PDB file of N, CA and C in Angstrom:
ATOM      1  N   ILE A   1      25.428  62.973  20.246  1.00  0.00           N
ATOM      2  CA  ILE A   1      26.283  63.246  21.322  1.00  0.00           C
ATOM      3  C   ILE A   1      26.684  64.715  21.131  1.00  0.00           C
ATOM      4  N   ILE A   2      26.951  65.167  19.938  1.00  0.00           N
ATOM      5  CA  ILE A   2      27.411  66.707  19.904  1.00  0.00           C
ATOM      6  C   ILE A   2      26.332  67.481  20.096  1.00  0.00           C
ATOM      7  N   SER A   3      24.930  67.220  19.650  1.00  0.00           N
ATOM      8  CA  SER A   3      23.931  68.162  19.993  1.00  0.00           C
ATOM      9  C   SER A   3      23.615  68.134  21.409  1.00  0.00           C
ATOM     10  N   THR A   4      23.751  67.114  22.075  1.00  0.00           N
ATOM     11  CA  THR A   4      23.635  67.142  23.385  1.00  0.00           C
ATOM     12  C   THR A   4      24.692  67.938  24.295  1.00  0.00           C
ATOM     13  N   LEU A   5      26.098  67.649  23.883  1.00  0.00           N
ATOM     14  CA  LEU A   5      27.060  68.442  24.204  1.00  0.00           C
ATOM     15  C   LEU A   5      26.730  69.935  24.111  1.00  0.00           C
ATOM     16  N   ALA A   6      26.514  70.358  22.875  1.00  0.00           N
ATOM     17  CA  ALA A   6      26.070  71.994  22.606  1.00  0.00           C
ATOM     18  C   ALA A   6      24.952  72.385  23.427  1.00  0.00           C
ATOM     19  N   SER A   7      24.110  71.499  23.780  1.00  0.00           N
ATOM     20  CA  SER A   7      22.993  71.857  24.746  1.00  0.00           C
ATOM     21  C   SER A   7      23.316  72.117  26.105  1.00  0.00           C
ATOM     22  N   TYR A   8      24.188  71.032  26.548  1.00  0.00           N
ATOM     23  CA  TYR A   8      24.692  71.268  27.875  1.00  0.00           C
ATOM     24  C   TYR A   8      25.810  72.517  28.098  1.00  0.00           C
ATOM     25  N   VAL A   9      26.479  72.610  27.365  1.00  0.00           N
ATOM     26  CA  VAL A   9      27.385  73.803  27.358  1.00  0.00           C
ATOM     27  C   VAL A   9      26.690  74.959  27.307  1.00  0.00           C
ATOM     28  N   PHE A  10      25.713  75.166  26.421  1.00  0.00           N
ATOM     29  CA  PHE A  10      24.876  76.421  26.526  1.00  0.00           C
ATOM     30  C   PHE A  10      23.990  76.660  27.692  1.00  0.00           C
ATOM     31  N   LYS A  11      23.528  75.571  28.300  1.00  0.00           N
ATOM     32  CA  LYS A  11      22.730  75.545  29.594  1.00  0.00           C
ATOM     33  C   LYS A  11      23.805  75.876  30.754  1.00  0.00           C
ATOM     34  N   ILE A  12      25.006  75.575  30.717  1.00  0.00           N
ATOM     35  CA  ILE A  12      25.996  75.898  31.701  1.00  0.00           C
ATOM     36  C   ILE A  12      26.329  77.278  31.537  1.00  0.00           C
ATOM     37  N   VAL A  13      26.664  77.763  30.253  1.00  0.00           N
ATOM     38  CA  VAL A  13      26.929  79.121  30.212  1.00  0.00           C
ATOM     39  C   VAL A  13      25.852  80.245  30.495  1.00  0.00           C
ATOM     40  N   THR A  14      24.779  79.908  30.142  1.00  0.00           N
ATOM     41  CA  THR A  14      23.649  80.878  30.447  1.00  0.00           C
ATOM     42  C   THR A  14      23.103  80.489  31.776  1.00  0.00           C
ATOM     43  N   LYS A  15      23.418  79.478  32.462  1.00  0.00           N
ATOM     44  CA  LYS A  15      22.804  79.109  33.959  1.00  0.00           C
ATOM     45  C   LYS A  15      21.352  78.829  33.700  1.00  0.00           C
ATOM     46  N   THR A  16      20.954  78.332  32.570  1.00  0.00           N
ATOM     47  CA  THR A  16      19.414  77.932  32.417  1.00  0.00           C
ATOM     48  C   THR A  16      19.100  76.358  32.832  1.00  0.00           C
ATOM     49  N   PRO A  17      18.470  76.052  33.924  1.00  0.00           N
ATOM     50  CA  PRO A  17      18.307  74.713  34.367  1.00  0.00           C
ATOM     51  C   PRO A  17      17.247  74.095  33.628  1.00  0.00           C
ATOM     52  N   ASN A  18      17.010  74.332  32.206  1.00  0.00           N
ATOM     53  CA  ASN A  18      16.079  73.371  31.529  1.00  0.00           C
ATOM     54  C   ASN A  18      16.632  71.800  31.012  1.00  0.00           C
ATOM     55  N   ILE A  19      15.519  71.319  30.923  1.00  0.00           N
ATOM     56  CA  ILE A  19      15.709  69.712  30.760  1.00  0.00           C
ATOM     57  C   ILE A  19      15.588  69.493  29.131  1.00  0.00           C
ATOM     58  N   SER A  20      16.214  68.455  28.769  1.00  0.00           N
ATOM     59  CA  SER A  20      16.219  68.223  27.184  1.00  0.00           C
ATOM     60  C   SER A  20      15.556  66.813  27.057  1.00  0.00           C
ATOM     61  N   LEU A  21      14.950  66.530  26.096  1.00  0.00           N
ATOM     62  CA  LEU A  21      14.204  65.473  25.782  1.00  0.00           C
ATOM     63  C   LEU A  21      14.073  65.159  24.312  1.00  0.00           C
ATOM     64  N   GLY A  22      14.349  63.934  23.726  1.00  0.00           N
ATOM     65  CA  GLY A  22      13.969  63.503  22.313  1.00  0.00           C
ATOM     66  C   GLY A  22      15.443  63.336  21.686  1.00  0.00           C
ATOM     67  N   ALA A  23      15.141  63.042  20.369  1.00  0.00           N
ATOM     68  CA  ALA A  23      16.089  62.851  19.431  1.00  0.00           C
ATOM     69  C   ALA A  23      16.196  63.858  18.269  1.00  0.00           C
ATOM     70  N   SER A  24      15.765  65.097  18.563  1.00  0.00           N
ATOM     71  CA  SER A  24      15.733  66.127  17.455  1.00  0.00           C
ATOM     72  C   SER A  24      17.141  66.658  17.017  1.00  0.00           C
ATOM     73  N   GLY A  25      17.931  66.666  18.091  1.00  0.00           N
ATOM     74  CA  GLY A  25      19.375  67.030  17.605  1.00  0.00           C
ATOM     75  C   GLY A  25      20.094  66.075  16.669  1.00  0.00           C
ATOM     76  N   SER A  26      19.774  64.863  16.966  1.00  0.00           N
ATOM     77  CA  SER A  26      20.307  63.810  16.160  1.00  0.00           C
ATOM     78  C   SER A  26      19.592  63.699  14.690  1.00  0.00           C
ATOM     79  N   LEU A  27      18.532  64.177  14.881  1.00  0.00           N
ATOM     80  CA  LEU A  27      17.639  64.176  13.543  1.00  0.00           C
ATOM     81  C   LEU A  27      18.287  65.626  12.680  1.00  0.00           C
ATOM     82  N   MET A  28      18.458  66.446  13.268  1.00  0.00           N
ATOM     83  CA  MET A  28      19.145  67.768  12.702  1.00  0.00           C
ATOM     84  C   MET A  28      20.496  67.388  12.193  1.00  0.00           C
ATOM     85  N   THR A  29      21.129  66.419  12.936  1.00  0.00           N
ATOM     86  CA  THR A  29      22.521  66.173  12.328  1.00  0.00           C
ATOM     87  C   THR A  29      22.474  65.460  10.835  1.00  0.00           C
ATOM     88  N   VAL A  30      21.538  64.620  10.806  1.00  0.00           N
ATOM     89  CA  VAL A  30      21.147  63.869   9.657  1.00  0.00           C
ATOM     90  C   VAL A  30      20.755  64.748   8.562  1.00  0.00           C
ATOM     91  N   LEU A  31      19.759  65.482   8.879  1.00  0.00           N
ATOM     92  CA  LEU A  31      19.186  66.765   7.865  1.00  0.00           C
ATOM     93  C   LEU A  31      20.211  67.571   7.399  1.00  0.00           C
ATOM     94  N   GLY A  32      21.329  68.029   8.321  1.00  0.00           N
ATOM     95  CA  GLY A  32      22.057  68.910   7.955  1.00  0.00           C
ATOM     96  C   GLY A  32      23.198  68.257   6.857  1.00  0.00           C
ATOM     97  N   ALA A  33      23.404  67.028   7.226  1.00  0.00           N
ATOM     98  CA  ALA A  33      24.466  66.452   6.187  1.00  0.00           C
ATOM     99  C   ALA A  33      23.589  66.188   4.824  1.00  0.00           C
ATOM    100  N   VAL A  34      22.496  65.598   4.979  1.00  0.00           N
ATOM    101  CA  VAL A  34      21.780  65.403   3.651  1.00  0.00           C
ATOM    102  C   VAL A  34      21.645  66.814   2.742  1.00  0.00           C
ATOM    103  N   CYS A  35      21.378  67.885   3.455  1.00  0.00           N
ATOM    104  CA  CYS A  35      21.196  69.007   2.806  1.00  0.00           C
ATOM    105  C   CYS A  35      22.521  69.548   2.322  1.00  0.00           C
ATOM    106  N   MET A  36      23.688  69.246   2.872  1.00  0.00           N
ATOM    107  CA  MET A  36      24.999  69.562   2.418  1.00  0.00           C
ATOM    108  C   MET A  36      25.286  68.748   1.156  1.00  0.00           C
ATOM    109  N   GLN A  37      24.837  67.184   1.088  1.00  0.00           N
ATOM    110  CA  GLN A  37      25.103  66.522   0.230  1.00  0.00           C
ATOM    111  C   GLN A  37      24.358  66.481  -1.139  1.00  0.00           C
ATOM    112  N   PHE A  38      23.268  67.187  -0.886  1.00  0.00           N
ATOM    113  CA  PHE A  38      22.351  67.391  -2.093  1.00  0.00           C
ATOM    114  C   PHE A  38      21.678  68.657  -2.024  1.00  0.00           C
ATOM    115  N   PRO A  39      22.492  69.868  -2.230  1.00  0.00           N
ATOM    116  CA  PRO A  39      21.973  71.191  -1.928  1.00  0.00           C
ATOM    117  C   PRO A  39      20.843  71.506  -3.025  1.00  0.00           C
ATOM    118  N   THR A  40      20.630  71.111  -4.063  1.00  0.00           N
ATOM    119  CA  THR A  40      19.660  71.348  -4.908  1.00  0.00           C
ATOM    120  C   THR A  40      18.447  70.570  -4.981  1.00  0.00           C
ATOM    121  N   ALA A  41      18.381  69.548  -4.161  1.00  0.00           N
ATOM    122  CA  ALA A  41      17.291  68.783  -3.843  1.00  0.00           C
ATOM    123  C   ALA A  41      16.048  69.373  -3.591  1.00  0.00           C
ATOM    124  N   GLN A  42      14.929  69.327  -4.018  1.00  0.00           N
ATOM    125  CA  GLN A  42      13.694  69.861  -3.800  1.00  0.00           C
ATOM    126  C   GLN A  42      12.861  69.215  -2.625  1.00  0.00           C
ATOM    127  N   LEU A  43      12.725  69.864  -1.513  1.00  0.00           N
ATOM    128  CA  LEU A  43      11.908  69.312  -0.353  1.00  0.00           C
ATOM    129  C   LEU A  43      10.667  69.990  -0.268  1.00  0.00           C
ATOM    130  N   SER A  44       9.773  69.448   0.570  1.00  0.00           N
ATOM    131  CA  SER A  44       8.550  70.049   0.923  1.00  0.00           C
ATOM    132  C   SER A  44       8.090  69.450   2.294  1.00  0.00           C
ATOM    133  N   ILE A  45       7.133  70.373   2.929  1.00  0.00           N
ATOM    134  CA  ILE A  45       6.766  69.867   4.147  1.00  0.00           C
ATOM    135  C   ILE A  45       5.425  68.984   3.916  1.00  0.00           C
ATOM    136  N   ILE A  46       5.441  67.941   4.658  1.00  0.00           N
ATOM    137  CA  ILE A  46       4.488  66.792   4.502  1.00  0.00           C
ATOM    138  C   ILE A  46       2.947  67.378   4.395  1.00  0.00           C
ATOM    139  N   PHE A  47       2.504  68.204   5.114  1.00  0.00           N
ATOM    140  CA  PHE A  47       1.135  68.868   5.170  1.00  0.00           C
ATOM    141  C   PHE A  47       0.936  69.967   3.943  1.00  0.00           C
ATOM    142  N   LEU A  48       2.143  70.448   3.416  1.00  0.00           N
ATOM    143  CA  LEU A  48       2.120  71.368   2.340  1.00  0.00           C
ATOM    144  C   LEU A  48       2.992  71.034   1.318  1.00  0.00           C
ATOM    145  N   PRO A  49       2.445  69.984   0.549  1.00  0.00           N
ATOM    146  CA  PRO A  49       3.271  69.295  -0.533  1.00  0.00           C
ATOM    147  C   PRO A  49       3.562  70.396  -1.771  1.00  0.00           C
ATOM    148  N   PHE A  50       2.472  71.269  -1.913  1.00  0.00           N
ATOM    149  CA  PHE A  50       2.612  72.232  -3.031  1.00  0.00           C
ATOM    150  C   PHE A  50       3.573  73.183  -2.711  1.00  0.00           C
ATOM    151  N   PHE A  51       4.314  73.426  -1.474  1.00  0.00           N
ATOM    152  CA  PHE A  51       5.175  74.350  -1.289  1.00  0.00           C
ATOM    153  C   PHE A  51       6.491  73.697  -1.199  1.00  0.00           C
ATOM    154  N   THR A  52       7.444  73.958  -2.340  1.00  0.00           N
ATOM    155  CA  THR A  52       8.626  73.387  -2.382  1.00  0.00           C
ATOM    156  C   THR A  52       9.850  74.282  -2.127  1.00  0.00           C
ATOM    157  N   PHE A  53      10.867  73.814  -1.698  1.00  0.00           N
ATOM    158  CA  PHE A  53      12.155  74.673  -1.473  1.00  0.00           C
ATOM    159  C   PHE A  53      13.258  73.830  -1.827  1.00  0.00           C
ATOM    160  N   SER A  54      14.661  74.304  -1.731  1.00  0.00           N
ATOM    161  CA  SER A  54      15.658  73.702  -2.128  1.00  0.00           C
ATOM    162  C   SER A  54      16.213  73.362  -0.663  1.00  0.00           C
ATOM    163  N   ALA A  55      17.126  72.300  -0.832  1.00  0.00           N
ATOM    164  CA  ALA A  55      17.911  71.770   0.440  1.00  0.00           C
ATOM    165  C   ALA A  55      18.570  72.825   1.011  1.00  0.00           C
ATOM    166  N   GLN A  56      19.056  73.511   0.210  1.00  0.00           N
ATOM    167  CA  GLN A  56      20.098  74.644   0.745  1.00  0.00           C
ATOM    168  C   GLN A  56      19.232  75.679   1.498  1.00  0.00           C
ATOM    169  N   SER A  57      18.301  76.144   0.792  1.00  0.00           N
ATOM    170  CA  SER A  57      17.209  77.034   1.680  1.00  0.00           C
ATOM    171  C   SER A  57      16.711  76.537   2.994  1.00  0.00           C
ATOM    172  N   ALA A  58      16.459  75.210   3.045  1.00  0.00           N
ATOM    173  CA  ALA A  58      16.035  74.768   4.080  1.00  0.00           C
ATOM    174  C   ALA A  58      17.189  74.608   5.181  1.00  0.00           C
ATOM    175  N   LEU A  59      18.362  74.427   4.984  1.00  0.00           N
ATOM    176  CA  LEU A  59      19.579  74.498   5.685  1.00  0.00           C
ATOM    177  C   LEU A  59      19.763  75.725   6.354  1.00  0.00           C
ATOM    178  N   MET A  60      19.577  76.990   5.428  1.00  0.00           N
ATOM    179  CA  MET A  60      19.837  78.375   5.883  1.00  0.00           C
ATOM    180  C   MET A  60      18.538  78.652   6.932  1.00  0.00           C
ATOM    181  N   GLY A  61      17.365  78.196   6.427  1.00  0.00           N
ATOM    182  CA  GLY A  61      16.367  78.443   7.539  1.00  0.00           C
ATOM    183  C   GLY A  61      16.490  77.748   8.722  1.00  0.00           C
ATOM    184  N   MET A  62      16.875  76.524   8.748  1.00  0.00           N
ATOM    185  CA  MET A  62      17.012  75.848   9.980  1.00  0.00           C
ATOM    186  C   MET A  62      18.151  76.708  10.976  1.00  0.00           C
ATOM    187  N   ILE A  63      19.195  76.878  10.290  1.00  0.00           N
ATOM    188  CA  ILE A  63      20.175  77.524  11.080  1.00  0.00           C
ATOM    189  C   ILE A  63      19.869  78.776  11.478  1.00  0.00           C
ATOM    190  N   SER A  64      19.215  79.482  10.762  1.00  0.00           N
ATOM    191  CA  SER A  64      18.789  80.833  11.056  1.00  0.00           C
ATOM    192  C   SER A  64      17.740  80.814  12.320  1.00  0.00           C
ATOM    193  N   LEU A  65      16.823  79.995  12.137  1.00  0.00           N
ATOM    194  CA  LEU A  65      15.764  79.842  13.095  1.00  0.00           C
ATOM    195  C   LEU A  65      16.569  79.352  14.552  1.00  0.00           C
ATOM    196  N   ASP A  66      17.319  78.414  14.482  1.00  0.00           N
ATOM    197  CA  ASP A  66      17.869  78.023  15.686  1.00  0.00           C
ATOM    198  C   ASP A  66      18.938  79.024  16.297  1.00  0.00           C
ATOM    199  N   VAL A  67      19.465  79.902  15.468  1.00  0.00           N
ATOM    200  CA  VAL A  67      20.576  80.794  16.031  1.00  0.00           C
ATOM    201  C   VAL A  67      19.505  81.953  16.746  1.00  0.00           C
ATOM    202  N   VAL A  68      18.298  82.441  16.083  1.00  0.00           N
ATOM    203  CA  VAL A  68      17.334  83.144  16.607  1.00  0.00           C
ATOM    204  C   VAL A  68      16.982  82.880  17.901  1.00  0.00           C
ATOM    205  N   GLY A  69      16.539  81.410  17.999  1.00  0.00           N
ATOM    206  CA  GLY A  69      15.988  80.936  19.156  1.00  0.00           C
ATOM    207  C   GLY A  69      16.918  80.613  20.340  1.00  0.00           C
ATOM    208  N   THR A  70      18.206  80.474  19.967  1.00  0.00           N
ATOM    209  CA  THR A  70      19.355  80.443  20.929  1.00  0.00           C
ATOM    210  C   THR A  70      19.606  81.797  21.677  1.00  0.00           C
ATOM    211  N   VAL A  71      19.715  82.706  20.790  1.00  0.00           N
ATOM    212  CA  VAL A  71      20.039  84.305  21.046  1.00  0.00           C
ATOM    213  C   VAL A  71      18.857  84.668  22.067  1.00  0.00           C
ATOM    214  N   LEU A  72      17.543  84.608  21.672  1.00  0.00           N
ATOM    215  CA  LEU A  72      16.570  85.309  22.228  1.00  0.00           C
ATOM    216  C   LEU A  72      16.133  84.143  23.516  1.00  0.00           C
ATOM    217  N   ARG A  73      16.720  83.000  23.627  1.00  0.00           N
ATOM    218  CA  ARG A  73      16.372  82.084  24.616  1.00  0.00           C
ATOM    219  C   ARG A  73      15.196  81.644  24.680  1.00  0.00           C
ATOM    220  N   TRP A  74      14.453  81.173  23.454  1.00  0.00           N
ATOM    221  CA  TRP A  74      13.109  80.778  23.401  1.00  0.00           C
ATOM    222  C   TRP A  74      13.289  79.143  24.123  1.00  0.00           C
ATOM    223  N   LYS A  75      12.415  78.917  25.032  1.00  0.00           N
ATOM    224  CA  LYS A  75      12.356  77.678  25.750  1.00  0.00           C
ATOM    225  C   LYS A  75      11.476  76.588  25.270  1.00  0.00           C
ATOM    226  N   PHE A  76      10.719  76.766  24.394  1.00  0.00           N
ATOM    227  CA  PHE A  76       9.914  75.794  23.807  1.00  0.00           C
ATOM    228  C   PHE A  76      10.615  74.709  23.340  1.00  0.00           C
ATOM    229  N   LEU A  77      11.705  74.776  22.481  1.00  0.00           N
ATOM    230  CA  LEU A  77      12.585  73.867  21.972  1.00  0.00           C
ATOM    231  C   LEU A  77      14.001  74.031  22.224  1.00  0.00           C
ATOM    232  N   ASP A  78      14.907  72.974  22.162  1.00  0.00           N
ATOM    233  CA  ASP A  78      16.341  73.173  22.623  1.00  0.00           C
ATOM    234  C   ASP A  78      16.958  73.551  21.424  1.00  0.00           C
ATOM    235  N   HIS A  79      17.072  74.930  21.056  1.00  0.00           N
ATOM    236  CA  HIS A  79      17.740  75.426  19.747  1.00  0.00           C
ATOM    237  C   HIS A  79      19.191  75.131  19.949  1.00  0.00           C
ATOM    238  N   ALA A  80      19.681  75.177  21.237  1.00  0.00           N
ATOM    239  CA  ALA A  80      21.232  74.779  21.062  1.00  0.00           C
ATOM    240  C   ALA A  80      21.590  73.484  20.637  1.00  0.00           C
ATOM    241  N   ALA A  81      20.685  72.634  20.984  1.00  0.00           N
ATOM    242  CA  ALA A  81      20.829  71.057  20.670  1.00  0.00           C
ATOM    243  C   ALA A  81      20.536  70.924  19.171  1.00  0.00           C
ATOM    244  N   HIS A  82      19.728  71.820  18.659  1.00  0.00           N
ATOM    245  CA  HIS A  82      19.311  71.657  17.121  1.00  0.00           C
ATOM    246  C   HIS A  82      20.599  72.493  16.467  1.00  0.00           C
ATOM    247  N   LEU A  83      21.078  73.578  16.877  1.00  0.00           N
ATOM    248  CA  LEU A  83      22.096  74.135  16.273  1.00  0.00           C
ATOM    249  C   LEU A  83      23.392  73.298  16.182  1.00  0.00           C
ATOM    250  N   GLY A  84      23.663  72.754  17.424  1.00  0.00           N
ATOM    251  CA  GLY A  84      24.833  71.819  17.331  1.00  0.00           C
ATOM    252  C   GLY A  84      24.605  70.788  16.479  1.00  0.00           C
ATOM    253  N   GLY A  85      23.589  70.095  16.567  1.00  0.00           N
ATOM    254  CA  GLY A  85      23.191  68.947  15.669  1.00  0.00           C
ATOM    255  C   GLY A  85      23.466  69.254  13.978  1.00  0.00           C
ATOM    256  N   VAL A  86      22.901  70.257  13.655  1.00  0.00           N
ATOM    257  CA  VAL A  86      22.919  70.835  12.263  1.00  0.00           C
ATOM    258  C   VAL A  86      24.259  71.280  12.019  1.00  0.00           C
ATOM    259  N   LEU A  87      25.074  71.896  12.567  1.00  0.00           N
ATOM    260  CA  LEU A  87      26.334  72.395  12.468  1.00  0.00           C
ATOM    261  C   LEU A  87      27.331  71.016  12.428  1.00  0.00           C
ATOM    262  N   TYR A  88      27.179  70.151  13.141  1.00  0.00           N
ATOM    263  CA  TYR A  88      28.050  68.805  13.007  1.00  0.00           C
ATOM    264  C   TYR A  88      27.422  68.092  11.717  1.00  0.00           C
ATOM    265  N   GLY A  89      26.327  68.075  11.244  1.00  0.00           N
ATOM    266  CA  GLY A  89      25.864  67.474  10.203  1.00  0.00           C
ATOM    267  C   GLY A  89      26.518  68.152   8.896  1.00  0.00           C
ATOM    268  N   VAL A  90      26.484  69.727   9.066  1.00  0.00           N
ATOM    269  CA  VAL A  90      27.209  70.357   7.973  1.00  0.00           C
ATOM    270  C   VAL A  90      28.797  69.968   8.009  1.00  0.00           C
ATOM    271  N   TYR A  91      29.454  69.920   9.081  1.00  0.00           N
ATOM    272  CA  TYR A  91      30.801  69.446   9.080  1.00  0.00           C
ATOM    273  C   TYR A  91      31.191  68.138   8.679  1.00  0.00           C
ATOM    274  N   VAL A  92      30.276  67.152   9.068  1.00  0.00           N
ATOM    275  CA  VAL A  92      30.419  65.689   8.533  1.00  0.00           C
ATOM    276  C   VAL A  92      30.273  65.616   7.037  1.00  0.00           C
TER     277      VAL A  92
END
């Protein structure tokens, strides 16, 4: 709900009539909460198992990417929803 609210507020403020689809904002909430609970956990990308990074680095990367996407108004993903979701996960 929080990620959808962040997305709609961003769309109203910027007057961009894009649609949102999916549950990625909710997944970002869960990922943000897990990364805050276990910041030293080692993560990897499923297709690149040899490339590992800490959960804290993943969290910073996700937040950075979504801030840049929101500021530059990239339209392929709903970065405002992702950012709202991950920030709520950090808060929880």
